[in-house]
Amino acid sequence: MNRFLILGAMLCCMAPCLLAQTAGAPATADATTSYTVTTTRIWEGPYCAFTSLIQYKGRYYCAFREATSHLFDADGHAAEGQSRIIVSDDGKHWRSAALLVKPGLDLRDPKLSVMPDGRLMVVMGGSVYEGRKLAHMYPQVSFSTDGVHFTDPTPLVIDPKVCEDYEWVWRVTWHNGVGYGVSYGKLHNYVLLKTTDGIHYDLVSHLDVMHNPGETTLRFLSDGRMLLVARREGGRGNQRGILGISAAPYTQWEWHDMNVPLGGPEVLLLNDSSYILGTRSLYASEKTMLLKGYLDGQCEEVCLLPSGGDDNSYPGMLVVGDELWVTYYSRHESDNAAIYLSRVPMSLFAAPRSSAYFNKYW
């Protein structure tokens, strides 16, 4: 277990928090307030990555991809990742709940959600490789009524006006009985879909976003407006995230370029004007970063979590009491990618917006 001290004085200007390893109770130094972030490794294997975190029926569930490497196996050929789901009663002791496998498919980025009927749902990417070439993508879904027994992964049925045999619905978010997700695929297809059963997905709108958008998280403001935060990979100078806002029926959008590049973005709303953003940082070296963001797309760095190895992040986030729980993967302690859980005081995100953005690295 690692304990890290975050000096409250740094928070006043929203500069990146100073992380100092401590052996016991945090020292206060000359800061008026000190905060402790506790980080624990909760699962390890040859390669574990791309997390999701949720509370379901009083227990905590974390899902992630389990394989031998980030993509191909040790021989450099097969890419057949599996989706592992682990469960804990207290956040400290974790055990396996399920291992979802589908021969011939690389099941990637399992994302958890709770459906309106109370079932736990896991949506996953389903990549098919011919040799070392990505040939198809068939998103998959699995369900559980008790968090113990999960159905075999089955393919999503996507509106034929959209489906190109090459789609990825990266995350599904439920609102007023409807699940929404953004699919991205070949030829820069980027569309908003909706579902009521988690299996069948209808087209809502084509999203006019440039620079190769991909991994997308949706959230809903109290007035029903949809908030969209997405990664982009459009080339040098065009890799910062994109933020969109739309009122129902979610066909007309207001777009904002963000001031940070993103990797595996996760978003939790603080209120109708700000949110917590968890992502992979892409400056200096890859780290797992927490930021406070605003509806104009601008974000202020709050802290970096213990991470590294040039392959990490993809956080899952959950508020538990007065803490933010963040799961993510990292290789900062060994060559193997393991799953970590950090507990971050929610008070770190209470500071008002600063008059100047912290853009040193962007």
Protein backbone atom coordinates (compact mmCIF):
# COMPACT_ATOMS: atom_id res chain seq x y z
CA MET A 1 0.00 0.00 0.00
CA ASN A 2 1.25 3.49 -0.88
CA ARG A 3 0.18 6.63 0.92
CA PHE A 4 0.56 9.98 -0.74
CA LEU A 5 0.32 13.42 0.81
CA ILE A 6 -1.40 16.15 -1.14
CA LEU A 7 -0.69 19.63 0.18
CA GLY A 8 -3.83 21.73 0.33
CA ALA A 9 -1.93 24.92 -0.37
CA MET A 10 -1.36 23.73 -3.91
CA LEU A 11 -5.09 23.43 -4.44
CA CYS A 12 -5.71 27.12 -3.98
CA CYS A 13 -4.40 27.86 -7.48
CA MET A 14 -5.36 24.43 -8.89
CA ALA A 15 -1.75 23.66 -9.79
CA PRO A 16 -0.90 19.96 -9.85
CA CYS A 17 -0.92 18.49 -6.38
CA LEU A 18 2.40 17.65 -4.78
CA LEU A 19 2.54 13.91 -4.14
CA ALA A 20 5.01 12.96 -1.43
CA GLN A 21 5.31 9.40 -0.19
CA THR A 22 4.71 9.06 3.53
CA ALA A 23 5.27 6.25 5.97
CA GLY A 24 2.55 7.08 8.47
CA ALA A 25 0.22 9.92 9.34
CA PRO A 26 0.54 12.77 6.82
CA ALA A 27 2.70 15.68 7.86
CA THR A 28 1.11 19.10 7.54
CA ALA A 29 4.31 20.92 6.50
CA ASP A 30 3.49 24.61 6.28
CA ALA A 31 0.18 24.07 4.47
CA THR A 32 -3.06 24.90 6.23
CA THR A 33 -4.62 21.56 5.27
CA SER A 34 -3.25 18.22 4.16
CA TYR A 35 -4.93 15.40 2.29
CA THR A 36 -4.01 11.75 1.99
CA VAL A 37 -4.60 9.68 -1.12
CA THR A 38 -4.35 5.95 -0.45
CA THR A 39 -3.51 3.66 -3.37
CA THR A 40 -3.70 -0.13 -3.28
CA ARG A 41 -3.04 -2.80 -5.89
CA ILE A 42 -6.25 -4.85 -6.05
CA TRP A 43 -5.55 -7.30 -8.91
CA GLU A 44 -2.60 -8.44 -10.94
CA GLY A 45 -1.83 -10.82 -13.78
CA PRO A 46 0.27 -10.86 -16.95
CA TYR A 47 -1.63 -7.85 -18.30
CA CYS A 48 -4.74 -6.20 -16.82
CA ALA A 49 -6.10 -2.94 -18.23
CA PHE A 50 -9.02 -0.62 -19.11
CA THR A 51 -11.16 -0.46 -15.97
CA SER A 52 -14.75 0.33 -15.03
CA LEU A 53 -16.11 0.72 -11.48
CA ILE A 54 -19.65 0.59 -10.13
CA GLN A 55 -21.65 -0.17 -7.00
CA TYR A 56 -24.33 -2.82 -7.41
CA LYS A 57 -26.55 -4.35 -4.74
CA GLY A 58 -24.31 -3.12 -1.94
CA ARG A 59 -21.05 -4.43 -3.43
CA TYR A 60 -18.32 -2.86 -5.54
CA TYR A 61 -17.61 -4.23 -9.01
CA CYS A 62 -14.57 -3.53 -11.16
CA ALA A 63 -14.28 -4.78 -14.74
CA PHE A 64 -11.17 -4.84 -16.92
CA ARG A 65 -9.50 -6.65 -19.82
CA GLU A 66 -7.19 -9.53 -18.94
CA ALA A 67 -4.65 -10.82 -21.47
CA THR A 68 -0.93 -11.42 -22.00
CA SER A 69 -0.21 -7.95 -23.41
CA HIS A 70 -1.77 -4.68 -24.56
CA LEU A 71 -2.75 -6.31 -27.84
CA PHE A 72 -1.12 -9.47 -29.21
CA ASP A 73 0.07 -12.56 -27.36
CA ALA A 74 3.68 -13.46 -26.67
CA ASP A 75 4.06 -14.86 -30.19
CA GLY A 76 2.83 -11.57 -31.65
CA HIS A 77 -0.24 -13.08 -33.30
CA ALA A 78 -3.46 -13.79 -31.39
CA ALA A 79 -5.35 -10.94 -29.72
CA GLU A 80 -7.92 -12.65 -27.54
CA GLY A 81 -8.44 -10.57 -24.41
CA GLN A 82 -10.96 -11.63 -21.80
CA SER A 83 -13.15 -9.46 -19.58
CA ARG A 84 -12.60 -10.04 -15.87
CA ILE A 85 -15.10 -8.78 -13.29
CA ILE A 86 -14.03 -8.63 -9.65
CA VAL A 87 -16.16 -7.82 -6.61
CA SER A 88 -15.59 -6.52 -3.10
CA ASP A 89 -17.75 -5.97 -0.04
CA ASP A 90 -15.51 -3.26 1.41
CA GLY A 91 -13.16 -2.06 -1.36
CA LYS A 92 -10.21 -3.74 0.34
CA HIS A 93 -10.63 -7.44 -0.34
CA TRP A 94 -11.43 -8.40 -3.93
CA ARG A 95 -12.40 -11.71 -5.54
CA SER A 96 -13.29 -12.79 -9.05
CA ALA A 97 -16.98 -12.69 -9.93
CA ALA A 98 -16.74 -13.63 -13.61
CA LEU A 99 -14.41 -14.13 -16.56
CA LEU A 100 -16.14 -13.43 -19.87
CA VAL A 101 -14.58 -15.19 -22.86
CA LYS A 102 -15.54 -15.47 -26.52
CA PRO A 103 -13.20 -17.48 -28.78
CA GLY A 104 -11.87 -15.50 -31.71
CA LEU A 105 -12.70 -12.13 -30.16
CA ASP A 106 -10.55 -9.69 -28.23
CA LEU A 107 -12.98 -8.47 -25.55
CA ARG A 108 -11.71 -4.99 -24.65
CA ASP A 109 -12.68 -2.15 -22.32
CA PRO A 110 -15.60 -3.75 -20.44
CA LYS A 111 -17.86 -0.97 -19.14
CA LEU A 112 -20.38 -1.55 -16.34
CA SER A 113 -23.81 0.03 -15.95
CA VAL A 114 -27.06 -0.71 -14.12
CA MET A 115 -30.12 -1.01 -16.34
CA PRO A 116 -33.54 0.41 -15.43
CA ASP A 117 -34.80 -3.12 -14.71
CA GLY A 118 -32.03 -3.64 -12.14
CA ARG A 119 -29.73 -5.87 -14.16
CA LEU A 120 -25.98 -5.31 -14.22
CA MET A 121 -24.78 -4.82 -17.79
CA VAL A 122 -21.29 -5.12 -19.28
CA VAL A 123 -20.65 -3.72 -22.77
CA MET A 124 -17.34 -4.66 -24.42
CA GLY A 125 -15.48 -4.13 -27.65
CA GLY A 126 -15.17 -7.28 -29.74
CA SER A 127 -12.19 -7.03 -32.07
CA VAL A 128 -11.41 -9.64 -34.73
CA TYR A 129 -7.90 -9.85 -36.18
CA GLU A 130 -6.74 -11.51 -39.34
CA GLY A 131 -3.08 -11.97 -38.63
CA ARG A 132 -2.03 -8.62 -37.21
CA LYS A 133 -4.69 -6.65 -39.06
CA LEU A 134 -7.92 -5.50 -37.37
CA ALA A 135 -10.62 -6.90 -39.67
CA HIS A 136 -13.90 -6.41 -37.79
CA MET A 137 -15.31 -5.01 -34.56
CA TYR A 138 -18.43 -6.59 -33.05
CA PRO A 139 -19.41 -4.96 -29.72
CA GLN A 140 -20.60 -7.49 -27.13
CA VAL A 141 -22.84 -7.35 -24.07
CA SER A 142 -23.39 -9.52 -21.00
CA PHE A 143 -26.00 -9.26 -18.24
CA SER A 144 -26.38 -10.35 -14.62
CA THR A 145 -29.35 -10.23 -12.27
CA ASP A 146 -27.34 -10.98 -9.14
CA GLY A 147 -23.72 -9.95 -9.78
CA VAL A 148 -22.74 -13.63 -9.61
CA HIS A 149 -24.01 -15.25 -12.79
CA PHE A 150 -23.35 -13.49 -16.12
CA THR A 151 -24.73 -14.36 -19.53
CA ASP A 152 -22.39 -15.33 -22.34
CA PRO A 153 -21.29 -12.30 -24.39
CA THR A 154 -23.65 -11.63 -27.28
CA PRO A 155 -23.23 -9.12 -30.12
CA LEU A 156 -25.05 -5.81 -30.15
CA VAL A 157 -27.61 -5.38 -32.91
CA ILE A 158 -26.90 -1.94 -34.36
CA ASP A 159 -29.19 0.05 -36.63
CA PRO A 160 -28.40 -1.01 -40.24
CA LYS A 161 -28.20 2.67 -41.21
CA VAL A 162 -25.05 2.74 -39.06
CA CYS A 163 -23.49 -0.67 -38.86
CA GLU A 164 -20.40 -1.13 -41.01
CA ASP A 165 -19.29 -4.43 -39.51
CA TYR A 166 -16.72 -2.25 -37.75
CA GLU A 167 -18.28 -0.55 -34.71
CA TRP A 168 -17.38 0.04 -31.08
CA VAL A 169 -19.91 1.26 -28.51
CA TRP A 170 -17.39 2.15 -25.85
CA ARG A 171 -19.75 2.99 -22.95
CA VAL A 172 -23.52 3.06 -22.31
CA THR A 173 -25.14 5.60 -19.97
CA TRP A 174 -28.77 5.26 -18.85
CA HIS A 175 -31.20 8.18 -18.53
CA ASN A 176 -34.98 8.04 -18.03
CA GLY A 177 -35.15 4.40 -19.05
CA VAL A 178 -33.02 4.76 -22.18
CA GLY A 179 -29.39 3.80 -22.65
CA TYR A 180 -27.21 6.05 -24.80
CA GLY A 181 -23.82 5.31 -26.30
CA VAL A 182 -21.56 6.64 -29.01
CA SER A 183 -20.24 4.25 -31.63
CA TYR A 184 -17.11 4.92 -33.61
CA GLY A 185 -15.84 2.77 -36.42
CA LYS A 186 -14.29 2.65 -39.84
CA LEU A 187 -14.27 5.64 -42.18
CA HIS A 188 -14.54 7.99 -39.19
CA ASN A 189 -18.14 6.96 -38.47
CA TYR A 190 -19.16 8.67 -35.20
CA VAL A 191 -22.81 8.38 -34.15
CA LEU A 192 -25.09 8.60 -31.11
CA LEU A 193 -27.18 5.48 -30.47
CA LYS A 194 -29.93 4.57 -28.02
CA THR A 195 -31.25 1.32 -26.57
CA THR A 196 -33.92 0.13 -24.17
CA ASP A 197 -32.81 -3.50 -23.81
CA GLY A 198 -29.00 -3.17 -24.01
CA ILE A 199 -28.90 -5.32 -27.16
CA HIS A 200 -30.68 -3.38 -29.93
CA TYR A 201 -29.36 0.11 -30.76
CA ASP A 202 -31.09 2.73 -32.92
CA LEU A 203 -29.53 5.77 -34.55
CA VAL A 204 -30.17 9.08 -32.78
CA SER A 205 -27.85 11.39 -34.72
CA HIS A 206 -24.62 11.61 -36.65
CA LEU A 207 -22.08 13.66 -34.68
CA ASP A 208 -20.11 16.17 -36.68
CA VAL A 209 -16.75 15.97 -34.93
CA MET A 210 -13.43 16.28 -36.73
CA HIS A 211 -10.00 14.82 -35.96
CA ASN A 212 -10.90 11.16 -35.48
CA PRO A 213 -13.02 11.03 -32.28
CA GLY A 214 -13.17 7.76 -30.38
CA GLU A 215 -13.62 6.75 -26.72
CA THR A 216 -16.65 8.69 -25.46
CA THR A 217 -18.36 9.14 -22.10
CA LEU A 218 -21.88 10.58 -21.80
CA ARG A 219 -23.43 12.13 -18.71
CA PHE A 220 -26.71 14.01 -18.07
CA LEU A 221 -27.21 17.40 -16.44
CA SER A 222 -30.18 17.95 -14.13
CA ASP A 223 -32.21 19.59 -16.91
CA GLY A 224 -31.78 16.54 -19.16
CA ARG A 225 -29.05 17.97 -21.39
CA MET A 226 -26.46 15.45 -22.50
CA LEU A 227 -22.78 16.07 -21.83
CA LEU A 228 -20.31 14.34 -24.15
CA VAL A 229 -16.56 14.06 -23.54
CA ALA A 230 -14.44 12.27 -26.12
CA ARG A 231 -10.88 11.44 -27.03
CA ARG A 232 -9.56 12.53 -30.43
CA GLU A 233 -6.56 11.19 -32.34
CA GLY A 234 -6.49 13.44 -35.37
CA GLY A 235 -2.79 14.14 -35.65
CA ARG A 236 -0.33 16.66 -34.34
CA GLY A 237 -2.08 19.67 -32.83
CA ASN A 238 -5.52 18.06 -33.07
CA GLN A 239 -5.41 15.50 -30.27
CA ARG A 240 -7.13 17.47 -27.54
CA GLY A 241 -10.47 16.20 -26.31
CA ILE A 242 -13.85 17.45 -27.47
CA LEU A 243 -16.82 18.39 -25.26
CA GLY A 244 -20.38 18.53 -26.55
CA ILE A 245 -23.68 19.63 -25.00
CA SER A 246 -27.11 18.87 -26.42
CA ALA A 247 -30.74 19.09 -25.31
CA ALA A 248 -33.23 16.33 -26.12
CA PRO A 249 -33.71 14.82 -28.65
CA TYR A 250 -29.89 15.17 -28.90
CA THR A 251 -29.68 16.03 -32.59
CA GLN A 252 -28.31 19.59 -32.28
CA TRP A 253 -24.95 20.05 -30.57
CA GLU A 254 -22.75 22.79 -29.13
CA TRP A 255 -19.08 21.84 -29.38
CA HIS A 256 -16.03 22.99 -27.40
CA ASP A 257 -12.39 22.06 -27.94
CA MET A 258 -10.88 20.98 -24.64
CA ASN A 259 -7.49 22.15 -23.40
CA VAL A 260 -6.23 18.62 -22.65
CA PRO A 261 -5.63 15.46 -24.68
CA LEU A 262 -7.55 12.45 -23.38
CA GLY A 263 -7.11 8.71 -23.07
CA GLY A 264 -9.92 6.52 -21.71
CA PRO A 265 -11.93 9.49 -20.33
CA GLU A 266 -14.23 8.96 -17.36
CA VAL A 267 -16.52 11.75 -16.11
CA LEU A 268 -18.44 12.27 -12.87
CA LEU A 269 -20.62 15.37 -12.51
CA LEU A 270 -20.03 17.59 -9.50
CA ASN A 271 -22.95 19.88 -10.43
CA ASP A 272 -24.44 21.40 -13.57
CA SER A 273 -21.35 23.48 -14.26
CA SER A 274 -18.37 21.30 -13.32
CA TYR A 275 -17.22 17.68 -13.31
CA ILE A 276 -14.36 15.39 -12.36
CA LEU A 277 -12.40 14.09 -15.34
CA GLY A 278 -10.18 11.02 -15.08
CA THR A 279 -7.87 10.37 -18.00
CA ARG A 280 -4.43 9.39 -19.17
CA SER A 281 -2.10 12.39 -19.26
CA LEU A 282 0.05 12.65 -22.35
CA TYR A 283 2.71 15.13 -21.33
CA ALA A 284 6.26 14.26 -20.18
CA SER A 285 5.41 10.60 -19.59
CA GLU A 286 2.09 8.80 -19.38
CA LYS A 287 0.37 9.13 -16.01
CA THR A 288 -3.15 8.75 -14.64
CA MET A 289 -4.57 12.21 -14.01
CA LEU A 290 -7.59 13.72 -12.25
CA LEU A 291 -8.85 17.13 -13.34
CA LYS A 292 -11.73 19.45 -12.60
CA GLY A 293 -13.55 20.39 -15.81
CA TYR A 294 -16.12 22.94 -16.93
CA LEU A 295 -18.77 23.10 -19.63
CA ASP A 296 -16.62 25.24 -21.91
CA GLY A 297 -14.18 22.35 -22.21
CA GLN A 298 -11.48 23.88 -20.05
CA CYS A 299 -9.95 21.72 -17.31
CA GLU A 300 -7.66 22.32 -14.33
CA GLU A 301 -5.32 19.62 -13.11
CA VAL A 302 -5.97 18.43 -9.56
CA CYS A 303 -3.50 15.56 -9.12
CA LEU A 304 -1.57 12.73 -10.69
CA LEU A 305 -2.11 9.26 -9.25
CA PRO A 306 0.86 6.90 -8.73
CA SER A 307 1.27 5.43 -12.19
CA GLY A 308 3.69 4.96 -15.04
CA GLY A 309 5.37 2.42 -17.27
CA ASP A 310 4.19 4.17 -20.44
CA ASP A 311 1.01 2.09 -20.32
CA ASN A 312 -1.60 3.05 -17.75
CA SER A 313 -4.83 4.87 -16.85
CA TYR A 314 -8.36 4.18 -18.23
CA PRO A 315 -9.97 4.97 -14.89
CA GLY A 316 -13.26 3.94 -13.39
CA MET A 317 -14.65 6.38 -10.81
CA LEU A 318 -17.21 6.17 -8.01
CA VAL A 319 -18.08 8.49 -5.11
CA VAL A 320 -18.15 6.59 -1.81
CA GLY A 321 -18.97 8.81 1.18
CA ASP A 322 -16.55 11.73 1.14
CA GLU A 323 -14.06 9.93 -1.12
CA LEU A 324 -13.60 9.47 -4.84
CA TRP A 325 -12.62 5.90 -5.61
CA VAL A 326 -10.58 5.56 -8.79
CA THR A 327 -9.62 2.26 -10.39
CA TYR A 328 -7.01 2.23 -13.15
CA TYR A 329 -4.18 0.12 -14.49
CA SER A 330 -0.48 0.84 -14.34
CA ARG A 331 3.00 -0.66 -14.73
CA HIS A 332 4.87 1.65 -12.38
CA GLU A 333 5.72 -1.16 -9.93
CA SER A 334 6.52 -3.97 -12.36
CA ASP A 335 6.50 -4.86 -16.03
CA ASN A 336 3.09 -6.44 -15.59
CA ALA A 337 0.06 -4.16 -15.81
CA ALA A 338 -1.92 -4.40 -12.56
CA ILE A 339 -5.18 -2.87 -11.34
CA TYR A 340 -5.03 -0.18 -8.64
CA LEU A 341 -7.59 1.57 -6.48
CA SER A 342 -6.94 5.11 -5.22
CA ARG A 343 -9.11 6.81 -2.61
CA VAL A 344 -9.11 10.56 -3.14
CA PRO A 345 -10.78 13.10 -0.81
CA MET A 346 -13.71 14.77 -2.58
CA SER A 347 -12.68 18.01 -0.88
CA LEU A 348 -9.86 18.27 -3.44
CA PHE A 349 -12.45 19.22 -6.04
CA ALA A 350 -14.18 21.91 -3.95
CA ALA A 351 -11.92 24.84 -4.87
CA PRO A 352 -13.50 27.54 -7.06
CA ARG A 353 -12.45 27.93 -10.63
CA SER A 354 -9.16 29.76 -10.93
CA SER A 355 -8.80 32.91 -13.00
CA ALA A 356 -6.10 31.34 -15.18
CA TYR A 357 -5.97 27.78 -16.49
CA PHE A 358 -3.00 25.63 -15.68
CA ASN A 359 -1.81 24.96 -19.22
CA LYS A 360 1.90 24.48 -18.65
CA TYR A 361 2.00 21.19 -20.52
CA TRP A 362 -0.72 21.77 -23.10
